[in-house]
Amino acid sequence: MPRRLKPEELDLWRKVADSTERMHPDRTKPYGEAKPPAPARQTARKPPIPEFRAGERAPDPPPIRDLAPSLTERMNAVPLRMDRKAHGRMKRGKLVPEARIDLHGMTMNRAHPALTGFILRAHREGKRLVLVITGKGRDRDEDGPIPVRRGILRHQVPHWLTVPPLSALVLQIVPAHIRHGGGGAFYVYLRRNRQ
C-alpha cells in the first residue's frame, strides 16, 4: 500500500504545483482526466512448495504432449491401395526390394533431387518395390525457439513421395521391416509401368 504524504510534504507539493504554468492554456479540458481507481484485485495464493528431504525421490516431470500424430500413425491411416496379401508380405519383410537408395546423412537440398531421380528411374525400369533409407535422425544438442522433430529426412520423405511428380508413381509407402532398416527406412511400392 502506498504511503500517504505528511502535511508538510503536501504543503510543499501545493506550492510547487501553484508556481507552474499550463503547457497548453488554450485547451479547455485537461489532457488526461484522472481515471477512477481500479478495484483492488485479489491475487490467488500459490500453494506452498512441499518440503523435500534428502533421499526422497523428486516428482516426475509432466509428460510432453505432442499433438501431431506420429509418423507411423499417419502412415497406417492411409488407405491400402495395393494387394492386401502382397502388403502383408511386404510389412513382414518377406518381399525383397529390387533397388535401394541411402539418403542417410544428406541435407534436404541434396536428398530431395536424389530421391526424385531414383524413383523416376526405378519406375522407368519397371521395378515395383524399392527401399528408401533415411536414417532415424540424431538428437540435437540445442533447441531453437521452434521445435524440430528428430529425423528431418524421415519426416520429409513420405511427404515428398505423396506430392507431384512422385505421387503419380507411388502406390504405397510403409515403414520397413527391421531386417531392412526398421524405423530408419521405408518400403515404396510403385505402380506398374504401363509402357
N, C-alpha and C. Protein backbone atom coordinates (compact mmCIF):
# COMPACT_ATOMS: atom_id res chain seq x y z
N MET A 1 0.85 -1.17 0.00
CA MET A 1 0.00 0.00 0.00
C MET A 1 0.90 1.24 0.00
N PRO A 2 0.61 2.21 -0.87
CA PRO A 2 1.46 3.40 -0.93
C PRO A 2 1.33 4.22 0.36
N ARG A 3 2.42 4.87 0.73
CA ARG A 3 2.36 5.68 1.97
C ARG A 3 1.72 7.02 1.66
N ARG A 4 1.13 7.60 2.64
CA ARG A 4 0.48 8.91 2.48
C ARG A 4 1.49 10.02 2.73
N LEU A 5 1.24 11.16 2.09
CA LEU A 5 2.13 12.30 2.29
C LEU A 5 1.89 12.93 3.67
N LYS A 6 2.97 13.36 4.23
CA LYS A 6 2.86 14.07 5.51
C LYS A 6 2.34 15.47 5.21
N PRO A 7 1.77 16.19 6.21
CA PRO A 7 1.22 17.53 5.95
C PRO A 7 2.25 18.50 5.40
N GLU A 8 3.49 18.46 5.88
CA GLU A 8 4.50 19.40 5.35
C GLU A 8 4.88 19.04 3.91
N GLU A 9 4.87 17.74 3.54
CA GLU A 9 5.14 17.34 2.16
C GLU A 9 4.00 17.78 1.24
N LEU A 10 2.79 17.67 1.73
CA LEU A 10 1.62 18.09 0.95
C LEU A 10 1.65 19.60 0.71
N ASP A 11 2.04 20.41 1.71
CA ASP A 11 2.15 21.87 1.53
C ASP A 11 3.22 22.20 0.49
N LEU A 12 4.34 21.53 0.58
CA LEU A 12 5.42 21.76 -0.39
C LEU A 12 4.94 21.42 -1.81
N TRP A 13 4.24 20.35 -1.96
CA TRP A 13 3.72 19.96 -3.28
C TRP A 13 2.75 21.00 -3.83
N ARG A 14 1.88 21.50 -3.00
CA ARG A 14 0.91 22.52 -3.46
C ARG A 14 1.63 23.79 -3.92
N LYS A 15 2.70 24.21 -3.19
CA LYS A 15 3.46 25.40 -3.59
C LYS A 15 4.11 25.19 -4.95
N VAL A 16 4.68 24.00 -5.18
CA VAL A 16 5.30 23.70 -6.47
C VAL A 16 4.24 23.69 -7.56
N ALA A 17 3.11 23.07 -7.31
CA ALA A 17 2.05 22.98 -8.31
C ALA A 17 1.48 24.36 -8.63
N ASP A 18 1.35 25.27 -7.67
CA ASP A 18 0.82 26.62 -7.91
C ASP A 18 1.80 27.48 -8.69
N SER A 19 3.11 27.19 -8.60
CA SER A 19 4.10 28.03 -9.29
C SER A 19 4.29 27.62 -10.76
N THR A 20 3.61 26.59 -11.21
CA THR A 20 3.79 26.15 -12.60
C THR A 20 2.75 26.78 -13.50
N GLU A 21 3.03 26.78 -14.81
CA GLU A 21 2.08 27.26 -15.80
C GLU A 21 1.65 26.10 -16.67
N ARG A 22 0.46 26.19 -17.20
CA ARG A 22 -0.03 25.13 -18.08
C ARG A 22 0.74 25.15 -19.38
N MET A 23 1.04 23.97 -19.92
CA MET A 23 1.76 23.88 -21.19
C MET A 23 0.87 24.29 -22.36
N HIS A 24 -0.40 23.96 -22.30
CA HIS A 24 -1.36 24.28 -23.37
C HIS A 24 -2.56 25.00 -22.77
N PRO A 25 -2.44 26.32 -22.55
CA PRO A 25 -3.53 27.05 -21.90
C PRO A 25 -4.78 27.13 -22.76
N ASP A 26 -4.65 26.93 -24.11
CA ASP A 26 -5.82 27.04 -24.97
C ASP A 26 -6.75 25.83 -24.86
N ARG A 27 -6.29 24.74 -24.31
CA ARG A 27 -7.15 23.57 -24.15
C ARG A 27 -8.09 23.80 -22.98
N THR A 28 -9.34 23.41 -23.22
CA THR A 28 -10.33 23.63 -22.16
C THR A 28 -10.33 22.48 -21.17
N LYS A 29 -10.15 21.24 -21.69
CA LYS A 29 -10.15 20.09 -20.79
C LYS A 29 -8.71 19.69 -20.51
N PRO A 30 -8.47 19.23 -19.34
CA PRO A 30 -7.13 18.69 -19.08
C PRO A 30 -6.88 17.52 -20.03
N TYR A 31 -5.63 17.35 -20.41
CA TYR A 31 -5.27 16.33 -21.42
C TYR A 31 -5.70 14.94 -20.98
N GLY A 32 -5.32 14.53 -19.86
CA GLY A 32 -5.68 13.19 -19.40
C GLY A 32 -6.46 13.29 -18.11
N GLU A 33 -7.77 13.08 -18.21
CA GLU A 33 -8.56 13.14 -16.99
C GLU A 33 -8.24 11.92 -16.15
N ALA A 34 -8.28 12.15 -14.88
CA ALA A 34 -7.94 11.06 -13.98
C ALA A 34 -8.99 9.96 -14.08
N LYS A 35 -8.53 8.73 -14.16
CA LYS A 35 -9.43 7.59 -14.23
C LYS A 35 -9.76 7.18 -12.81
N PRO A 36 -10.95 6.65 -12.64
CA PRO A 36 -11.26 6.16 -11.28
C PRO A 36 -10.34 4.99 -10.96
N PRO A 37 -9.94 4.88 -9.73
CA PRO A 37 -9.01 3.81 -9.39
C PRO A 37 -9.65 2.44 -9.65
N ALA A 38 -8.84 1.54 -10.17
CA ALA A 38 -9.32 0.19 -10.45
C ALA A 38 -9.55 -0.54 -9.14
N PRO A 39 -10.58 -1.38 -9.11
CA PRO A 39 -10.82 -2.12 -7.86
C PRO A 39 -9.62 -3.02 -7.57
N ALA A 40 -9.32 -3.14 -6.32
CA ALA A 40 -8.17 -3.95 -5.91
C ALA A 40 -8.42 -5.40 -6.32
N ARG A 41 -7.43 -5.94 -7.01
CA ARG A 41 -7.54 -7.31 -7.48
C ARG A 41 -6.98 -8.25 -6.43
N GLN A 42 -7.73 -9.28 -6.17
CA GLN A 42 -7.24 -10.24 -5.19
C GLN A 42 -6.44 -11.30 -5.94
N THR A 43 -5.22 -11.44 -5.54
CA THR A 43 -4.36 -12.43 -6.19
C THR A 43 -4.54 -13.77 -5.51
N ALA A 44 -4.57 -14.80 -6.33
CA ALA A 44 -4.71 -16.14 -5.78
C ALA A 44 -3.38 -16.54 -5.14
N ARG A 45 -3.48 -17.09 -3.99
CA ARG A 45 -2.27 -17.51 -3.30
C ARG A 45 -1.80 -18.83 -3.89
N LYS A 46 -0.52 -18.90 -4.15
CA LYS A 46 0.05 -20.14 -4.66
C LYS A 46 0.21 -21.11 -3.50
N PRO A 47 -0.01 -22.40 -3.80
CA PRO A 47 0.18 -23.35 -2.71
C PRO A 47 1.65 -23.38 -2.29
N PRO A 48 1.89 -23.63 -1.04
CA PRO A 48 3.29 -23.65 -0.59
C PRO A 48 4.05 -24.80 -1.26
N ILE A 49 5.33 -24.59 -1.43
CA ILE A 49 6.18 -25.62 -2.02
C ILE A 49 6.32 -26.74 -1.00
N PRO A 50 6.03 -27.98 -1.44
CA PRO A 50 6.14 -29.08 -0.46
C PRO A 50 7.59 -29.26 -0.02
N GLU A 51 7.72 -29.69 1.21
CA GLU A 51 9.07 -29.89 1.75
C GLU A 51 9.72 -31.07 1.05
N PHE A 52 11.02 -30.98 0.92
CA PHE A 52 11.79 -32.03 0.27
C PHE A 52 12.91 -32.43 1.20
N ARG A 53 13.00 -33.70 1.46
CA ARG A 53 14.07 -34.19 2.34
C ARG A 53 15.10 -34.94 1.52
N ALA A 54 16.33 -34.89 1.96
CA ALA A 54 17.40 -35.60 1.26
C ALA A 54 17.06 -37.09 1.20
N GLY A 55 17.23 -37.67 0.03
CA GLY A 55 16.95 -39.09 -0.16
C GLY A 55 15.58 -39.35 -0.76
N GLU A 56 14.72 -38.34 -0.76
CA GLU A 56 13.40 -38.52 -1.36
C GLU A 56 13.51 -38.43 -2.88
N ARG A 57 12.58 -39.06 -3.54
CA ARG A 57 12.56 -39.04 -5.00
C ARG A 57 11.76 -37.81 -5.44
N ALA A 58 12.33 -37.06 -6.38
CA ALA A 58 11.64 -35.89 -6.92
C ALA A 58 10.47 -36.34 -7.78
N PRO A 59 9.40 -35.55 -7.85
CA PRO A 59 8.28 -35.95 -8.71
C PRO A 59 8.69 -35.95 -10.17
N ASP A 60 8.09 -36.86 -10.94
CA ASP A 60 8.39 -36.94 -12.37
C ASP A 60 7.88 -35.68 -13.08
N PRO A 61 8.63 -35.22 -14.08
CA PRO A 61 8.16 -34.04 -14.83
C PRO A 61 6.90 -34.40 -15.61
N PRO A 62 6.08 -33.41 -15.92
CA PRO A 62 4.86 -33.72 -16.68
C PRO A 62 5.23 -34.26 -18.06
N PRO A 63 4.41 -35.16 -18.61
CA PRO A 63 4.75 -35.73 -19.92
C PRO A 63 4.67 -34.67 -21.02
N ILE A 64 5.51 -34.85 -22.04
CA ILE A 64 5.50 -33.94 -23.18
C ILE A 64 4.33 -34.35 -24.07
N ARG A 65 3.51 -33.41 -24.41
CA ARG A 65 2.34 -33.71 -25.22
C ARG A 65 2.57 -33.22 -26.64
N ASP A 66 2.75 -34.17 -27.54
CA ASP A 66 2.90 -33.85 -28.96
C ASP A 66 1.54 -34.08 -29.59
N LEU A 67 0.88 -33.02 -30.02
CA LEU A 67 -0.47 -33.12 -30.53
C LEU A 67 -0.53 -33.70 -31.94
N ALA A 68 0.56 -33.63 -32.68
CA ALA A 68 0.57 -34.20 -34.02
C ALA A 68 0.73 -35.71 -33.92
N PRO A 69 -0.01 -36.47 -34.75
CA PRO A 69 0.15 -37.93 -34.71
C PRO A 69 1.55 -38.32 -35.17
N SER A 70 2.00 -39.47 -34.69
CA SER A 70 3.33 -39.93 -35.06
C SER A 70 3.35 -40.32 -36.54
N LEU A 71 4.55 -40.46 -37.07
CA LEU A 71 4.72 -40.80 -38.48
C LEU A 71 4.08 -42.15 -38.78
N THR A 72 4.25 -43.12 -37.91
CA THR A 72 3.67 -44.45 -38.11
C THR A 72 2.15 -44.38 -38.10
N GLU A 73 1.58 -43.60 -37.17
CA GLU A 73 0.12 -43.45 -37.12
C GLU A 73 -0.41 -42.83 -38.40
N ARG A 74 0.30 -41.82 -38.91
CA ARG A 74 -0.15 -41.18 -40.16
C ARG A 74 -0.08 -42.15 -41.33
N MET A 75 0.97 -42.96 -41.39
CA MET A 75 1.12 -43.91 -42.50
C MET A 75 0.10 -45.03 -42.40
N ASN A 76 -0.23 -45.46 -41.19
CA ASN A 76 -1.23 -46.51 -41.02
C ASN A 76 -2.63 -46.02 -41.35
N ALA A 77 -2.86 -44.70 -41.27
CA ALA A 77 -4.17 -44.15 -41.57
C ALA A 77 -4.44 -44.03 -43.07
N VAL A 78 -3.39 -44.15 -43.89
CA VAL A 78 -3.56 -44.06 -45.34
C VAL A 78 -4.24 -45.34 -45.82
N PRO A 79 -5.28 -45.23 -46.66
CA PRO A 79 -5.97 -46.43 -47.13
C PRO A 79 -5.04 -47.32 -47.97
N LEU A 80 -5.30 -48.61 -47.92
CA LEU A 80 -4.49 -49.58 -48.66
C LEU A 80 -4.84 -49.49 -50.14
N ARG A 81 -3.81 -49.29 -50.98
CA ARG A 81 -4.03 -49.16 -52.43
C ARG A 81 -3.33 -50.25 -53.22
N MET A 82 -2.86 -51.26 -52.53
CA MET A 82 -2.18 -52.37 -53.21
C MET A 82 -2.80 -53.67 -52.75
N ASP A 83 -2.37 -54.77 -53.33
CA ASP A 83 -2.88 -56.08 -52.98
C ASP A 83 -2.63 -56.36 -51.49
N ARG A 84 -3.68 -56.77 -50.78
CA ARG A 84 -3.59 -56.98 -49.34
C ARG A 84 -2.57 -58.06 -48.98
N LYS A 85 -2.52 -59.13 -49.76
CA LYS A 85 -1.59 -60.23 -49.48
C LYS A 85 -0.14 -59.76 -49.68
N ALA A 86 0.12 -59.04 -50.76
CA ALA A 86 1.47 -58.52 -51.01
C ALA A 86 1.85 -57.49 -49.94
N HIS A 87 0.86 -56.70 -49.50
CA HIS A 87 1.11 -55.70 -48.45
C HIS A 87 1.54 -56.38 -47.16
N GLY A 88 0.86 -57.46 -46.78
CA GLY A 88 1.21 -58.20 -45.57
C GLY A 88 2.60 -58.81 -45.66
N ARG A 89 2.95 -59.38 -46.81
CA ARG A 89 4.28 -59.95 -47.00
C ARG A 89 5.35 -58.85 -46.95
N MET A 90 5.02 -57.69 -47.53
CA MET A 90 5.98 -56.58 -47.53
C MET A 90 6.23 -56.09 -46.11
N LYS A 91 5.17 -55.93 -45.31
CA LYS A 91 5.33 -55.45 -43.94
C LYS A 91 6.13 -56.43 -43.07
N ARG A 92 6.02 -57.72 -43.37
CA ARG A 92 6.76 -58.73 -42.60
C ARG A 92 8.19 -58.89 -43.11
N GLY A 93 8.56 -58.14 -44.14
CA GLY A 93 9.92 -58.21 -44.67
C GLY A 93 10.16 -59.40 -45.57
N LYS A 94 9.09 -60.03 -46.07
CA LYS A 94 9.22 -61.22 -46.93
C LYS A 94 9.50 -60.85 -48.38
N LEU A 95 9.12 -59.64 -48.81
CA LEU A 95 9.42 -59.20 -50.17
C LEU A 95 10.79 -58.52 -50.16
N VAL A 96 11.58 -58.83 -51.15
CA VAL A 96 12.93 -58.26 -51.23
C VAL A 96 12.89 -57.04 -52.15
N PRO A 97 13.34 -55.88 -51.67
CA PRO A 97 13.35 -54.68 -52.53
C PRO A 97 14.24 -54.89 -53.75
N GLU A 98 13.80 -54.37 -54.87
CA GLU A 98 14.55 -54.53 -56.13
C GLU A 98 15.63 -53.47 -56.27
N ALA A 99 15.51 -52.38 -55.55
CA ALA A 99 16.51 -51.31 -55.58
C ALA A 99 16.46 -50.57 -54.25
N ARG A 100 17.52 -49.85 -53.96
CA ARG A 100 17.53 -49.07 -52.71
C ARG A 100 18.35 -47.80 -52.89
N ILE A 101 18.00 -46.81 -52.10
CA ILE A 101 18.76 -45.55 -52.07
C ILE A 101 18.98 -45.20 -50.61
N ASP A 102 20.18 -44.76 -50.30
CA ASP A 102 20.53 -44.38 -48.94
C ASP A 102 20.69 -42.86 -48.87
N LEU A 103 19.72 -42.21 -48.24
CA LEU A 103 19.75 -40.75 -48.08
C LEU A 103 20.38 -40.35 -46.75
N HIS A 104 20.76 -41.34 -45.98
CA HIS A 104 21.29 -41.14 -44.64
C HIS A 104 22.44 -40.14 -44.65
N GLY A 105 22.33 -39.09 -43.89
CA GLY A 105 23.40 -38.10 -43.77
C GLY A 105 23.33 -36.97 -44.78
N MET A 106 22.40 -37.04 -45.73
CA MET A 106 22.28 -35.97 -46.73
C MET A 106 21.47 -34.81 -46.16
N THR A 107 21.69 -33.64 -46.74
CA THR A 107 20.85 -32.49 -46.40
C THR A 107 19.56 -32.59 -47.21
N MET A 108 18.57 -31.82 -46.84
CA MET A 108 17.30 -31.84 -47.58
C MET A 108 17.51 -31.38 -49.01
N ASN A 109 18.40 -30.43 -49.24
CA ASN A 109 18.64 -29.91 -50.59
C ASN A 109 19.26 -30.97 -51.50
N ARG A 110 20.04 -31.89 -50.94
CA ARG A 110 20.63 -32.97 -51.75
C ARG A 110 19.70 -34.17 -51.83
N ALA A 111 18.98 -34.45 -50.74
CA ALA A 111 18.17 -35.66 -50.66
C ALA A 111 16.95 -35.61 -51.58
N HIS A 112 16.29 -34.46 -51.67
CA HIS A 112 15.06 -34.38 -52.46
C HIS A 112 15.31 -34.68 -53.94
N PRO A 113 16.28 -34.03 -54.62
CA PRO A 113 16.50 -34.39 -56.03
C PRO A 113 17.02 -35.81 -56.20
N ALA A 114 17.80 -36.31 -55.25
CA ALA A 114 18.30 -37.69 -55.34
C ALA A 114 17.14 -38.68 -55.27
N LEU A 115 16.20 -38.44 -54.36
CA LEU A 115 15.03 -39.31 -54.22
C LEU A 115 14.16 -39.24 -55.47
N THR A 116 13.92 -38.05 -55.98
CA THR A 116 13.09 -37.89 -57.18
C THR A 116 13.69 -38.63 -58.36
N GLY A 117 14.98 -38.46 -58.60
CA GLY A 117 15.65 -39.15 -59.70
C GLY A 117 15.61 -40.66 -59.52
N PHE A 118 15.81 -41.14 -58.31
CA PHE A 118 15.81 -42.58 -58.03
C PHE A 118 14.44 -43.19 -58.31
N ILE A 119 13.37 -42.56 -57.83
CA ILE A 119 12.01 -43.10 -58.03
C ILE A 119 11.64 -43.07 -59.50
N LEU A 120 11.94 -41.99 -60.20
CA LEU A 120 11.63 -41.91 -61.63
C LEU A 120 12.38 -42.99 -62.41
N ARG A 121 13.64 -43.22 -62.09
CA ARG A 121 14.46 -44.22 -62.77
C ARG A 121 13.94 -45.63 -62.46
N ALA A 122 13.61 -45.90 -61.19
CA ALA A 122 13.11 -47.22 -60.80
C ALA A 122 11.78 -47.52 -61.50
N HIS A 123 10.90 -46.56 -61.60
CA HIS A 123 9.62 -46.76 -62.28
C HIS A 123 9.84 -47.00 -63.77
N ARG A 124 10.72 -46.24 -64.36
CA ARG A 124 11.01 -46.39 -65.79
C ARG A 124 11.58 -47.78 -66.07
N GLU A 125 12.36 -48.35 -65.14
CA GLU A 125 12.96 -49.67 -65.30
C GLU A 125 11.99 -50.80 -64.95
N GLY A 126 10.77 -50.45 -64.51
CA GLY A 126 9.75 -51.46 -64.23
C GLY A 126 9.85 -52.08 -62.85
N LYS A 127 10.57 -51.48 -61.93
CA LYS A 127 10.70 -52.01 -60.57
C LYS A 127 9.43 -51.68 -59.78
N ARG A 128 9.05 -52.59 -58.89
CA ARG A 128 7.83 -52.39 -58.12
C ARG A 128 8.09 -52.01 -56.67
N LEU A 129 9.09 -52.64 -56.03
CA LEU A 129 9.36 -52.38 -54.62
C LEU A 129 10.78 -51.86 -54.46
N VAL A 130 10.89 -50.65 -53.89
CA VAL A 130 12.21 -50.07 -53.64
C VAL A 130 12.30 -49.71 -52.15
N LEU A 131 13.51 -49.61 -51.68
CA LEU A 131 13.77 -49.27 -50.29
C LEU A 131 14.43 -47.91 -50.23
N VAL A 132 13.87 -47.01 -49.43
CA VAL A 132 14.44 -45.68 -49.23
C VAL A 132 14.93 -45.59 -47.79
N ILE A 133 16.22 -45.46 -47.61
CA ILE A 133 16.83 -45.40 -46.26
C ILE A 133 17.06 -43.93 -45.91
N THR A 134 16.45 -43.51 -44.81
CA THR A 134 16.57 -42.12 -44.36
C THR A 134 17.42 -42.00 -43.10
N GLY A 135 17.52 -43.07 -42.34
CA GLY A 135 18.14 -42.99 -41.02
C GLY A 135 17.08 -42.51 -40.04
N LYS A 136 17.34 -42.71 -38.77
CA LYS A 136 16.36 -42.33 -37.75
C LYS A 136 16.50 -40.87 -37.31
N GLY A 137 17.61 -40.27 -37.69
CA GLY A 137 17.85 -38.89 -37.25
C GLY A 137 18.63 -38.89 -35.96
N ARG A 138 19.26 -37.78 -35.68
CA ARG A 138 20.05 -37.69 -34.46
C ARG A 138 19.45 -36.65 -33.53
N ASP A 139 19.77 -36.80 -32.27
CA ASP A 139 19.31 -35.82 -31.28
C ASP A 139 20.07 -34.53 -31.46
N ARG A 140 19.38 -33.43 -31.31
CA ARG A 140 20.01 -32.13 -31.43
C ARG A 140 20.49 -31.68 -30.06
N ASP A 141 21.67 -31.03 -30.06
CA ASP A 141 22.19 -30.53 -28.80
C ASP A 141 21.44 -29.30 -28.33
N GLU A 142 21.08 -28.44 -29.28
CA GLU A 142 20.41 -27.20 -28.92
C GLU A 142 19.04 -27.15 -29.59
N ASP A 143 18.08 -26.68 -28.84
CA ASP A 143 16.75 -26.47 -29.39
C ASP A 143 16.56 -24.99 -29.60
N GLY A 144 16.11 -24.62 -30.77
CA GLY A 144 15.84 -23.22 -31.06
C GLY A 144 14.46 -22.84 -30.55
N PRO A 145 13.98 -21.68 -30.95
CA PRO A 145 12.67 -21.25 -30.49
C PRO A 145 11.54 -22.08 -31.10
N ILE A 146 11.81 -22.71 -32.27
CA ILE A 146 10.80 -23.56 -32.90
C ILE A 146 11.26 -25.00 -32.78
N PRO A 147 10.43 -25.86 -32.17
CA PRO A 147 10.87 -27.24 -32.01
C PRO A 147 10.95 -27.95 -33.37
N VAL A 148 11.97 -28.77 -33.52
CA VAL A 148 12.18 -29.54 -34.76
C VAL A 148 12.15 -31.01 -34.39
N ARG A 149 11.39 -31.78 -35.13
CA ARG A 149 11.31 -33.21 -34.85
C ARG A 149 12.63 -33.89 -35.17
N ARG A 150 12.87 -34.95 -34.48
CA ARG A 150 14.07 -35.75 -34.71
C ARG A 150 13.90 -36.48 -36.04
N GLY A 151 14.90 -36.43 -36.88
CA GLY A 151 14.86 -37.13 -38.16
C GLY A 151 14.11 -36.34 -39.22
N ILE A 152 14.71 -35.26 -39.69
CA ILE A 152 14.05 -34.40 -40.67
C ILE A 152 13.76 -35.17 -41.95
N LEU A 153 14.74 -35.91 -42.45
CA LEU A 153 14.50 -36.68 -43.69
C LEU A 153 13.45 -37.75 -43.48
N ARG A 154 13.45 -38.37 -42.33
CA ARG A 154 12.47 -39.41 -42.03
C ARG A 154 11.05 -38.87 -42.11
N HIS A 155 10.86 -37.59 -41.76
CA HIS A 155 9.53 -36.99 -41.83
C HIS A 155 9.24 -36.37 -43.20
N GLN A 156 10.28 -35.96 -43.91
CA GLN A 156 10.08 -35.31 -45.21
C GLN A 156 9.87 -36.29 -46.35
N VAL A 157 10.55 -37.42 -46.34
CA VAL A 157 10.48 -38.38 -47.45
C VAL A 157 9.05 -38.83 -47.73
N PRO A 158 8.24 -39.24 -46.74
CA PRO A 158 6.86 -39.61 -47.06
C PRO A 158 6.07 -38.46 -47.71
N HIS A 159 6.34 -37.24 -47.28
CA HIS A 159 5.66 -36.08 -47.89
C HIS A 159 6.09 -35.92 -49.34
N TRP A 160 7.38 -36.01 -49.61
CA TRP A 160 7.88 -35.86 -50.98
C TRP A 160 7.30 -36.93 -51.89
N LEU A 161 7.07 -38.13 -51.35
CA LEU A 161 6.55 -39.22 -52.16
C LEU A 161 5.05 -39.08 -52.45
N THR A 162 4.36 -38.21 -51.71
CA THR A 162 2.92 -38.05 -51.90
C THR A 162 2.55 -36.76 -52.63
N VAL A 163 3.54 -36.03 -53.13
CA VAL A 163 3.25 -34.82 -53.92
C VAL A 163 3.87 -35.00 -55.31
N PRO A 164 3.33 -34.29 -56.31
CA PRO A 164 3.86 -34.43 -57.67
C PRO A 164 5.34 -34.08 -57.71
N PRO A 165 6.10 -34.68 -58.57
CA PRO A 165 5.79 -35.63 -59.64
C PRO A 165 5.74 -37.08 -59.17
N LEU A 166 6.13 -37.38 -57.93
CA LEU A 166 6.23 -38.77 -57.48
C LEU A 166 4.90 -39.38 -57.09
N SER A 167 3.90 -38.58 -56.74
CA SER A 167 2.63 -39.12 -56.29
C SER A 167 1.95 -39.97 -57.36
N ALA A 168 2.18 -39.67 -58.63
CA ALA A 168 1.57 -40.44 -59.72
C ALA A 168 2.22 -41.81 -59.86
N LEU A 169 3.41 -42.01 -59.31
CA LEU A 169 4.14 -43.27 -59.47
C LEU A 169 4.06 -44.16 -58.23
N VAL A 170 3.80 -43.57 -57.08
CA VAL A 170 3.86 -44.30 -55.81
C VAL A 170 2.47 -44.82 -55.45
N LEU A 171 2.41 -46.13 -55.16
CA LEU A 171 1.15 -46.75 -54.77
C LEU A 171 1.00 -46.81 -53.25
N GLN A 172 2.09 -47.17 -52.55
CA GLN A 172 2.02 -47.32 -51.10
C GLN A 172 3.39 -47.05 -50.49
N ILE A 173 3.38 -46.45 -49.28
CA ILE A 173 4.60 -46.21 -48.50
C ILE A 173 4.38 -46.87 -47.14
N VAL A 174 5.34 -47.70 -46.73
CA VAL A 174 5.22 -48.44 -45.47
C VAL A 174 6.57 -48.40 -44.76
N PRO A 175 6.58 -48.23 -43.43
CA PRO A 175 7.85 -48.33 -42.71
C PRO A 175 8.46 -49.72 -42.95
N ALA A 176 9.76 -49.76 -43.12
CA ALA A 176 10.45 -51.01 -43.45
C ALA A 176 10.49 -51.96 -42.25
N HIS A 177 10.60 -53.25 -42.57
CA HIS A 177 10.78 -54.28 -41.56
C HIS A 177 12.17 -54.10 -40.95
N ILE A 178 12.36 -54.62 -39.76
CA ILE A 178 13.63 -54.44 -39.05
C ILE A 178 14.81 -55.00 -39.85
N ARG A 179 14.59 -56.03 -40.66
CA ARG A 179 15.72 -56.60 -41.44
C ARG A 179 16.14 -55.68 -42.58
N HIS A 180 15.28 -54.72 -42.93
CA HIS A 180 15.62 -53.78 -43.99
C HIS A 180 15.82 -52.35 -43.48
N GLY A 181 15.96 -52.18 -42.19
CA GLY A 181 16.25 -50.84 -41.66
C GLY A 181 15.27 -50.34 -40.64
N GLY A 182 14.14 -51.02 -40.45
CA GLY A 182 13.17 -50.64 -39.42
C GLY A 182 12.69 -49.22 -39.55
N GLY A 183 12.71 -48.48 -38.44
CA GLY A 183 12.20 -47.11 -38.40
C GLY A 183 13.01 -46.11 -39.19
N GLY A 184 14.17 -46.49 -39.69
CA GLY A 184 15.01 -45.57 -40.46
C GLY A 184 14.91 -45.79 -41.95
N ALA A 185 13.89 -46.56 -42.42
CA ALA A 185 13.75 -46.83 -43.85
C ALA A 185 12.28 -47.03 -44.20
N PHE A 186 11.97 -46.90 -45.48
CA PHE A 186 10.61 -47.06 -45.98
C PHE A 186 10.61 -47.98 -47.19
N TYR A 187 9.57 -48.82 -47.26
CA TYR A 187 9.29 -49.54 -48.50
C TYR A 187 8.43 -48.61 -49.34
N VAL A 188 8.76 -48.48 -50.61
CA VAL A 188 7.95 -47.69 -51.54
C VAL A 188 7.51 -48.63 -52.64
N TYR A 189 6.21 -48.89 -52.70
CA TYR A 189 5.65 -49.79 -53.69
C TYR A 189 5.16 -48.93 -54.86
N LEU A 190 5.74 -49.16 -56.03
CA LEU A 190 5.46 -48.34 -57.20
C LEU A 190 4.35 -48.93 -58.05
N ARG A 191 3.69 -48.07 -58.79
CA ARG A 191 2.68 -48.51 -59.76
C ARG A 191 3.37 -49.25 -60.90
N ARG A 192 2.61 -50.10 -61.54
CA ARG A 192 3.15 -50.83 -62.67
C ARG A 192 3.39 -49.87 -63.83
N ASN A 193 4.53 -50.04 -64.50
CA ASN A 193 4.87 -49.21 -65.65
C ASN A 193 4.08 -49.74 -66.85
N ARG A 194 3.18 -48.95 -67.41
CA ARG A 194 2.27 -49.38 -68.48
C ARG A 194 2.83 -49.07 -69.86
N GLN A 195 4.12 -49.09 -70.08
CA GLN A 195 4.67 -48.78 -71.41
C GLN A 195 5.13 -50.01 -72.11
